[in-house]
PDB file of N, CA and C in Angstrom:
ATOM      1  N   UNK A   1     162.795  44.478 114.560  1.00  0.00           N
ATOM      2  CA  UNK A   1     161.787  45.025 113.687  1.00  0.00           C
ATOM      3  C   UNK A   1     162.203  46.421 113.250  1.00  0.00           C
ATOM      4  N   UNK A   2     161.891  46.738 112.016  1.00  0.00           N
ATOM      5  CA  UNK A   2     162.185  48.068 111.508  1.00  0.00           C
ATOM      6  C   UNK A   2     161.253  49.092 112.129  1.00  0.00           C
ATOM      7  N   UNK A   3     161.811  50.249 112.404  1.00  0.00           N
ATOM      8  CA  UNK A   3     160.992  51.328 112.957  1.00  0.00           C
ATOM      9  C   UNK A   3     160.090  51.900 111.861  1.00  0.00           C
ATOM     10  N   UNK A   4     158.900  52.320 112.240  1.00  0.00           N
ATOM     11  CA  UNK A   4     157.934  53.000 111.370  1.00  0.00           C
ATOM     12  C   UNK A   4     157.350  52.128 110.254  1.00  0.00           C
ATOM     13  N   UNK A   5     157.463  50.807 110.351  1.00  0.00           N
ATOM     14  CA  UNK A   5     156.842  49.958 109.332  1.00  0.00           C
ATOM     15  C   UNK A   5     155.593  49.266 109.861  1.00  0.00           C
ATOM     16  N   UNK A   6     155.458  49.164 111.161  1.00  0.00           N
ATOM     17  CA  UNK A   6     154.317  48.486 111.760  1.00  0.00           C
ATOM     18  C   UNK A   6     153.333  49.508 112.314  1.00  0.00           C
ATOM     19  N   UNK A   7     152.033  49.218 112.234  1.00  0.00           N
ATOM     20  CA  UNK A   7     151.047  50.160 112.765  1.00  0.00           C
ATOM     21  C   UNK A   7     151.116  50.214 114.296  1.00  0.00           C
ATOM     22  N   UNK A   8     150.606  51.293 114.848  1.00  0.00           N
ATOM     23  CA  UNK A   8     150.581  51.462 116.288  1.00  0.00           C
ATOM     24  C   UNK A   8     149.462  50.627 116.880  1.00  0.00           C
ATOM     25  N   UNK A   9     149.775  49.877 117.933  1.00  0.00           N
ATOM     26  CA  UNK A   9     148.771  49.073 118.628  1.00  0.00           C
ATOM     27  C   UNK A   9     148.308  49.809 119.872  1.00  0.00           C
ATOM     28  N   UNK A  10     147.005  49.707 120.130  1.00  0.00           N
ATOM     29  CA  UNK A  10     146.420  50.335 121.304  1.00  0.00           C
ATOM     30  C   UNK A  10     145.807  49.252 122.185  1.00  0.00           C
ATOM     31  N   UNK A  11     145.826  49.438 123.516  1.00  0.00           N
ATOM     32  CA  UNK A  11     145.046  48.534 124.364  1.00  0.00           C
ATOM     33  C   UNK A  11     143.570  48.727 124.018  1.00  0.00           C
ATOM     34  N   UNK A  12     142.849  47.634 123.864  1.00  0.00           N
ATOM     35  CA  UNK A  12     141.460  47.730 123.426  1.00  0.00           C
ATOM     36  C   UNK A  12     140.558  46.892 124.320  1.00  0.00           C
ATOM     37  N   UNK A  13     139.338  47.373 124.472  1.00  0.00           N
ATOM     38  CA  UNK A  13     138.295  46.632 125.155  1.00  0.00           C
ATOM     39  C   UNK A  13     137.221  46.360 124.110  1.00  0.00           C
ATOM     40  N   UNK A  14     137.069  45.083 123.744  1.00  0.00           N
ATOM     41  CA  UNK A  14     136.085  44.703 122.738  1.00  0.00           C
ATOM     42  C   UNK A  14     134.767  44.414 123.447  1.00  0.00           C
ATOM     43  N   UNK A  15     133.669  44.966 122.928  1.00  0.00           N
ATOM     44  CA  UNK A  15     132.362  44.817 123.550  1.00  0.00           C
ATOM     45  C   UNK A  15     131.392  44.247 122.517  1.00  0.00           C
ATOM     46  N   UNK A  16     130.772  43.124 122.889  1.00  0.00           N
ATOM     47  CA  UNK A  16     129.753  42.496 122.045  1.00  0.00           C
ATOM     48  C   UNK A  16     128.569  42.166 122.937  1.00  0.00           C
ATOM     49  N   UNK A  17     127.614  43.061 123.010  1.00  0.00           N
ATOM     50  CA  UNK A  17     126.460  42.845 123.881  1.00  0.00           C
ATOM     51  C   UNK A  17     126.883  42.851 125.337  1.00  0.00           C
ATOM     52  N   UNK A  18     126.678  41.725 126.029  1.00  0.00           N
ATOM     53  CA  UNK A  18     127.042  41.609 127.442  1.00  0.00           C
ATOM     54  C   UNK A  18     128.482  41.159 127.639  1.00  0.00           C
ATOM     55  N   UNK A  19     129.162  40.793 126.585  1.00  0.00           N
ATOM     56  CA  UNK A  19     130.511  40.244 126.685  1.00  0.00           C
ATOM     57  C   UNK A  19     131.556  41.329 126.443  1.00  0.00           C
ATOM     58  N   UNK A  20     132.580  41.329 127.273  1.00  0.00           N
ATOM     59  CA  UNK A  20     133.703  42.261 127.125  1.00  0.00           C
ATOM     60  C   UNK A  20     134.993  41.480 127.308  1.00  0.00           C
ATOM     61  N   UNK A  21     136.005  41.788 126.501  1.00  0.00           N
ATOM     62  CA  UNK A  21     137.326  41.203 126.693  1.00  0.00           C
ATOM     63  C   UNK A  21     138.376  42.188 126.233  1.00  0.00           C
ATOM     64  N   UNK A  22     139.550  42.058 126.840  1.00  0.00           N
ATOM     65  CA  UNK A  22     140.654  42.970 126.563  1.00  0.00           C
ATOM     66  C   UNK A  22     141.592  42.368 125.540  1.00  0.00           C
ATOM     67  N   UNK A  23     142.220  43.237 124.797  1.00  0.00           N
ATOM     68  CA  UNK A  23     143.198  42.815 123.812  1.00  0.00           C
ATOM     69  C   UNK A  23     143.927  44.035 123.283  1.00  0.00           C
ATOM     70  N   UNK A  24     144.569  43.879 122.149  1.00  0.00           N
ATOM     71  CA  UNK A  24     145.215  45.006 121.490  1.00  0.00           C
ATOM     72  C   UNK A  24     144.672  45.110 120.073  1.00  0.00           C
ATOM     73  N   UNK A  25     144.686  46.309 119.546  1.00  0.00           N
ATOM     74  CA  UNK A  25     144.156  46.517 118.217  1.00  0.00           C
ATOM     75  C   UNK A  25     144.803  47.747 117.603  1.00  0.00           C
ATOM     76  N   UNK A  26     144.807  47.800 116.282  1.00  0.00           N
ATOM     77  CA  UNK A  26     145.276  48.994 115.588  1.00  0.00           C
ATOM     78  C   UNK A  26     144.162  50.014 115.456  1.00  0.00           C
ATOM     79  N   UNK A  27     142.931  49.616 115.794  1.00  0.00           N
ATOM     80  CA  UNK A  27     141.791  50.527 115.723  1.00  0.00           C
ATOM     81  C   UNK A  27     141.762  51.412 116.963  1.00  0.00           C
ATOM     82  N   UNK A  28     141.288  52.621 116.777  1.00  0.00           N
ATOM     83  CA  UNK A  28     141.053  53.491 117.916  1.00  0.00           C
ATOM     84  C   UNK A  28     139.625  54.013 117.797  1.00  0.00           C
ATOM     85  N   UNK A  29     139.089  54.465 118.908  1.00  0.00           N
ATOM     86  CA  UNK A  29     137.721  54.965 118.893  1.00  0.00           C
ATOM     87  C   UNK A  29     137.634  56.207 119.765  1.00  0.00           C
ATOM     88  N   UNK A  30     136.516  56.872 119.697  1.00  0.00           N
ATOM     89  CA  UNK A  30     136.315  58.069 120.510  1.00  0.00           C
ATOM     90  C   UNK A  30     135.966  57.735 121.942  1.00  0.00           C
ATOM     91  N   UNK A  31     135.610  56.479 122.190  1.00  0.00           N
ATOM     92  CA  UNK A  31     135.211  56.057 123.526  1.00  0.00           C
ATOM     93  C   UNK A  31     136.360  55.305 124.185  1.00  0.00           C
ATOM     94  N   UNK A  32     136.657  55.648 125.430  1.00  0.00           N
ATOM     95  CA  UNK A  32     137.722  54.971 126.162  1.00  0.00           C
ATOM     96  C   UNK A  32     137.205  54.544 127.530  1.00  0.00           C
ATOM     97  N   UNK A  33     137.884  53.566 128.109  1.00  0.00           N
ATOM     98  CA  UNK A  33     137.560  53.097 129.449  1.00  0.00           C
ATOM     99  C   UNK A  33     138.866  52.744 130.138  1.00  0.00           C
ATOM    100  N   UNK A  34     139.027  53.193 131.375  1.00  0.00           N
ATOM    101  CA  UNK A  34     140.250  52.924 132.122  1.00  0.00           C
ATOM    102  C   UNK A  34     140.072  51.644 132.931  1.00  0.00           C
ATOM    103  N   UNK A  35     140.984  50.707 132.713  1.00  0.00           N
ATOM    104  CA  UNK A  35     140.984  49.430 133.420  1.00  0.00           C
ATOM    105  C   UNK A  35     142.363  49.247 134.034  1.00  0.00           C
ATOM    106  N   UNK A  36     142.424  49.109 135.348  1.00  0.00           N
ATOM    107  CA  UNK A  36     143.684  48.936 136.081  1.00  0.00           C
ATOM    108  C   UNK A  36     144.688  50.039 135.761  1.00  0.00           C
ATOM    109  N   UNK A  37     144.207  51.255 135.583  1.00  0.00           N
ATOM    110  CA  UNK A  37     145.083  52.390 135.322  1.00  0.00           C
ATOM    111  C   UNK A  37     145.526  52.531 133.878  1.00  0.00           C
ATOM    112  N   UNK A  38     145.049  51.670 133.003  1.00  0.00           N
ATOM    113  CA  UNK A  38     145.423  51.729 131.584  1.00  0.00           C
ATOM    114  C   UNK A  38     144.189  52.130 130.790  1.00  0.00           C
ATOM    115  N   UNK A  39     144.332  53.122 129.935  1.00  0.00           N
ATOM    116  CA  UNK A  39     143.220  53.578 129.123  1.00  0.00           C
ATOM    117  C   UNK A  39     143.077  52.688 127.892  1.00  0.00           C
ATOM    118  N   UNK A  40     141.909  52.057 127.751  1.00  0.00           N
ATOM    119  CA  UNK A  40     141.621  51.159 126.635  1.00  0.00           C
ATOM    120  C   UNK A  40     140.655  51.831 125.672  1.00  0.00           C
ATOM    121  N   UNK A  41     140.858  51.616 124.391  1.00  0.00           N
ATOM    122  CA  UNK A  41     139.911  52.049 123.373  1.00  0.00           C
ATOM    123  C   UNK A  41     138.739  51.067 123.389  1.00  0.00           C
ATOM    124  N   UNK A  42     137.510  51.561 123.461  1.00  0.00           N
ATOM    125  CA  UNK A  42     136.331  50.692 123.471  1.00  0.00           C
ATOM    126  C   UNK A  42     135.895  50.476 122.023  1.00  0.00           C
ATOM    127  N   UNK A  43     135.924  49.223 121.594  1.00  0.00           N
ATOM    128  CA  UNK A  43     135.544  48.872 120.228  1.00  0.00           C
ATOM    129  C   UNK A  43     134.312  47.982 120.307  1.00  0.00           C
ATOM    130  N   UNK A  44     133.201  48.496 119.803  1.00  0.00           N
ATOM    131  CA  UNK A  44     131.934  47.763 119.845  1.00  0.00           C
ATOM    132  C   UNK A  44     131.809  46.901 118.579  1.00  0.00           C
ATOM    133  N   UNK A  45     131.462  45.635 118.785  1.00  0.00           N
ATOM    134  CA  UNK A  45     131.339  44.677 117.692  1.00  0.00           C
ATOM    135  C   UNK A  45     129.886  44.267 117.522  1.00  0.00           C
ATOM    136  N   UNK A  46     129.483  44.015 116.296  1.00  0.00           N
ATOM    137  CA  UNK A  46     128.137  43.514 116.044  1.00  0.00           C
ATOM    138  C   UNK A  46     128.067  42.011 116.242  1.00  0.00           C
ATOM    139  N   UNK A  47     129.163  41.323 115.947  1.00  0.00           N
ATOM    140  CA  UNK A  47     129.161  39.867 116.043  1.00  0.00           C
ATOM    141  C   UNK A  47     130.561  39.399 116.419  1.00  0.00           C
ATOM    142  N   UNK A  48     130.618  38.370 117.240  1.00  0.00           N
ATOM    143  CA  UNK A  48     131.891  37.794 117.656  1.00  0.00           C
ATOM    144  C   UNK A  48     131.680  36.312 117.921  1.00  0.00           C
ATOM    145  N   UNK A  49     132.675  35.656 118.469  1.00  0.00           N
ATOM    146  CA  UNK A  49     132.552  34.238 118.771  1.00  0.00           C
ATOM    147  C   UNK A  49     131.502  33.984 119.848  1.00  0.00           C
ATOM    148  N   UNK A  50     131.165  35.002 120.642  1.00  0.00           N
ATOM    149  CA  UNK A  50     130.144  34.833 121.674  1.00  0.00           C
ATOM    150  C   UNK A  50     128.735  34.805 121.085  1.00  0.00           C
ATOM    151  N   UNK A  51     128.517  35.474 119.944  1.00  0.00           N
ATOM    152  CA  UNK A  51     127.169  35.579 119.401  1.00  0.00           C
ATOM    153  C   UNK A  51     126.995  34.956 118.021  1.00  0.00           C
ATOM    154  N   UNK A  52     128.066  34.594 117.351  1.00  0.00           N
ATOM    155  CA  UNK A  52     127.952  34.023 116.014  1.00  0.00           C
ATOM    156  C   UNK A  52     127.355  32.622 116.092  1.00  0.00           C
ATOM    157  N   UNK A  53     126.354  32.307 115.269  1.00  0.00           N
ATOM    158  CA  UNK A  53     125.691  30.995 115.344  1.00  0.00           C
ATOM    159  C   UNK A  53     126.626  29.808 115.152  1.00  0.00           C
ATOM    160  N   UNK A  54     127.686  29.957 114.375  1.00  0.00           N
ATOM    161  CA  UNK A  54     128.613  28.848 114.160  1.00  0.00           C
ATOM    162  C   UNK A  54     129.286  28.445 115.463  1.00  0.00           C
ATOM    163  N   UNK A  55     129.693  29.430 116.259  1.00  0.00           N
ATOM    164  CA  UNK A  55     130.415  29.156 117.496  1.00  0.00           C
ATOM    165  C   UNK A  55     129.490  28.832 118.659  1.00  0.00           C
ATOM    166  N   UNK A  56     128.251  29.305 118.625  1.00  0.00           N
ATOM    167  CA  UNK A  56     127.327  29.059 119.734  1.00  0.00           C
ATOM    168  C   UNK A  56     126.571  27.747 119.582  1.00  0.00           C
ATOM    169  N   UNK A  57     126.691  27.081 118.446  1.00  0.00           N
ATOM    170  CA  UNK A  57     126.014  25.816 118.226  1.00  0.00           C
ATOM    171  C   UNK A  57     124.587  25.977 117.747  1.00  0.00           C
ATOM    172  N   UNK A  58     124.176  27.158 117.385  1.00  0.00           N
ATOM    173  CA  UNK A  58     122.823  27.396 116.917  1.00  0.00           C
ATOM    174  C   UNK A  58     122.732  27.380 115.392  1.00  0.00           C
ATOM    175  N   UNK A  59     123.820  27.027 114.732  1.00  0.00           N
ATOM    176  CA  UNK A  59     123.824  26.979 113.275  1.00  0.00           C
ATOM    177  C   UNK A  59     122.921  25.860 112.796  1.00  0.00           C
ATOM    178  N   UNK A  60     122.139  26.133 111.793  1.00  0.00           N
ATOM    179  CA  UNK A  60     121.245  25.136 111.232  1.00  0.00           C
ATOM    180  C   UNK A  60     121.849  24.597 109.947  1.00  0.00           C
ATOM    181  N   UNK A  61     121.889  23.290 109.833  1.00  0.00           N
ATOM    182  CA  UNK A  61     122.426  22.660 108.628  1.00  0.00           C
ATOM    183  C   UNK A  61     121.315  22.618 107.592  1.00  0.00           C
ATOM    184  N   UNK A  62     121.600  23.121 106.417  1.00  0.00           N
ATOM    185  CA  UNK A  62     120.583  23.230 105.379  1.00  0.00           C
ATOM    186  C   UNK A  62     120.809  22.152 104.333  1.00  0.00           C
ATOM    187  N   UNK A  63     120.030  21.121 104.356  1.00  0.00           N
ATOM    188  CA  UNK A  63     119.945  20.102 103.310  1.00  0.00           C
ATOM    189  C   UNK A  63     121.302  19.702 102.738  1.00  0.00           C
ATOM    190  N   UNK A  64     122.230  19.348 103.592  1.00  0.00           N
ATOM    191  CA  UNK A  64     123.554  18.957 103.124  1.00  0.00           C
ATOM    192  C   UNK A  64     123.484  17.676 102.296  1.00  0.00           C
ATOM    193  N   UNK A  65     122.684  16.728 102.741  1.00  0.00           N
ATOM    194  CA  UNK A  65     122.585  15.455 102.021  1.00  0.00           C
ATOM    195  C   UNK A  65     122.016  15.669 100.625  1.00  0.00           C
ATOM    196  N   UNK A  66     121.057  16.561 100.492  1.00  0.00           N
ATOM    197  CA  UNK A  66     120.472  16.835  99.187  1.00  0.00           C
ATOM    198  C   UNK A  66     121.496  17.398  98.222  1.00  0.00           C
ATOM    199  N   UNK A  67     122.382  18.222  98.704  1.00  0.00           N
ATOM    200  CA  UNK A  67     123.421  18.793  97.837  1.00  0.00           C
ATOM    201  C   UNK A  67     124.392  17.722  97.373  1.00  0.00           C
ATOM    202  N   UNK A  68     124.757  16.836  98.279  1.00  0.00           N
ATOM    203  CA  UNK A  68     125.688  15.759  97.919  1.00  0.00           C
ATOM    204  C   UNK A  68     125.049  14.841  96.887  1.00  0.00           C
ATOM    205  N   UNK A  69     123.787  14.496  97.111  1.00  0.00           N
ATOM    206  CA  UNK A  69     123.099  13.630  96.155  1.00  0.00           C
ATOM    207  C   UNK A  69     122.980  14.285  94.783  1.00  0.00           C
ATOM    208  N   UNK A  70     122.696  15.572  94.762  1.00  0.00           N
ATOM    209  CA  UNK A  70     122.597  16.295  93.495  1.00  0.00           C
ATOM    210  C   UNK A  70     123.953  16.301  92.774  1.00  0.00           C
ATOM    211  N   UNK A  71     125.022  16.496  93.529  1.00  0.00           N
ATOM    212  CA  UNK A  71     126.364  16.472  92.952  1.00  0.00           C
ATOM    213  C   UNK A  71     126.671  15.092  92.370  1.00  0.00           C
ATOM    214  N   UNK A  72     126.339  14.042  93.129  1.00  0.00           N
ATOM    215  CA  UNK A  72     126.625  12.691  92.667  1.00  0.00           C
ATOM    216  C   UNK A  72     125.807  12.339  91.424  1.00  0.00           C
ATOM    217  N   UNK A  73     124.577  12.825  91.335  1.00  0.00           N
ATOM    218  CA  UNK A  73     123.780  12.580  90.137  1.00  0.00           C
ATOM    219  C   UNK A  73     124.418  13.224  88.917  1.00  0.00           C
ATOM    220  N   UNK A  74     124.959  14.417  89.101  1.00  0.00           N
ATOM    221  CA  UNK A  74     125.565  15.124  87.962  1.00  0.00           C
ATOM    222  C   UNK A  74     126.934  14.572  87.586  1.00  0.00           C
ATOM    223  N   UNK A  75     127.783  14.384  88.610  1.00  0.00           N
ATOM    224  CA  UNK A  75     129.183  14.100  88.330  1.00  0.00           C
ATOM    225  C   UNK A  75     129.641  12.721  88.798  1.00  0.00           C
ATOM    226  N   UNK A  76     128.811  12.003  89.500  1.00  0.00           N
ATOM    227  CA  UNK A  76     129.204  10.698  90.028  1.00  0.00           C
ATOM    228  C   UNK A  76     129.439   9.664  88.950  1.00  0.00           C
ATOM    229  N   UNK A  77     128.702   9.751  87.842  1.00  0.00           N
ATOM    230  CA  UNK A  77     128.861   8.774  86.782  1.00  0.00           C
ATOM    231  C   UNK A  77     130.176   8.953  86.013  1.00  0.00           C
ATOM    232  N   UNK A  78     130.836  10.072  86.177  1.00  0.00           N
ATOM    233  CA  UNK A  78     132.122  10.278  85.512  1.00  0.00           C
ATOM    234  C   UNK A  78     133.184   9.339  86.061  1.00  0.00           C
ATOM    235  N   UNK A  79     133.073   8.941  87.310  1.00  0.00           N
ATOM    236  CA  UNK A  79     134.014   7.980  87.887  1.00  0.00           C
ATOM    237  C   UNK A  79     133.847   6.605  87.242  1.00  0.00           C
ATOM    238  N   UNK A  80     132.625   6.248  86.935  1.00  0.00           N
ATOM    239  CA  UNK A  80     132.341   4.926  86.349  1.00  0.00           C
ATOM    240  C   UNK A  80     132.765   4.858  84.878  1.00  0.00           C
ATOM    241  N   UNK A  81     132.799   5.988  84.166  1.00  0.00           N
ATOM    242  CA  UNK A  81     133.134   6.003  82.746  1.00  0.00           C
ATOM    243  C   UNK A  81     134.627   5.882  82.485  1.00  0.00           C
ATOM    244  N   UNK A  82     135.447   6.079  83.499  1.00  0.00           N
ATOM    245  CA  UNK A  82     136.916   6.043  83.269  1.00  0.00           C
ATOM    246  C   UNK A  82     137.445   4.657  83.217  1.00  0.00           C
TER     247      UNK A  82
END
């Protein structure tokens, strides 16, 4: 890898509510936490895979069948005309 072309990575502790996990990030913050002798940048998240409705299974499906039927009413007859 070429020197000075890639951003600096920092050890990071991502925090989303009650969930914490370690990783690396190019972001830095004013808050740090030492874990196993290594200083991690604490990065607080509003939403992650732990709280996002898509990943937690709380996502509500909104009238998918109605959309398909509406599409077929508009454009479905084009298949029959060919």
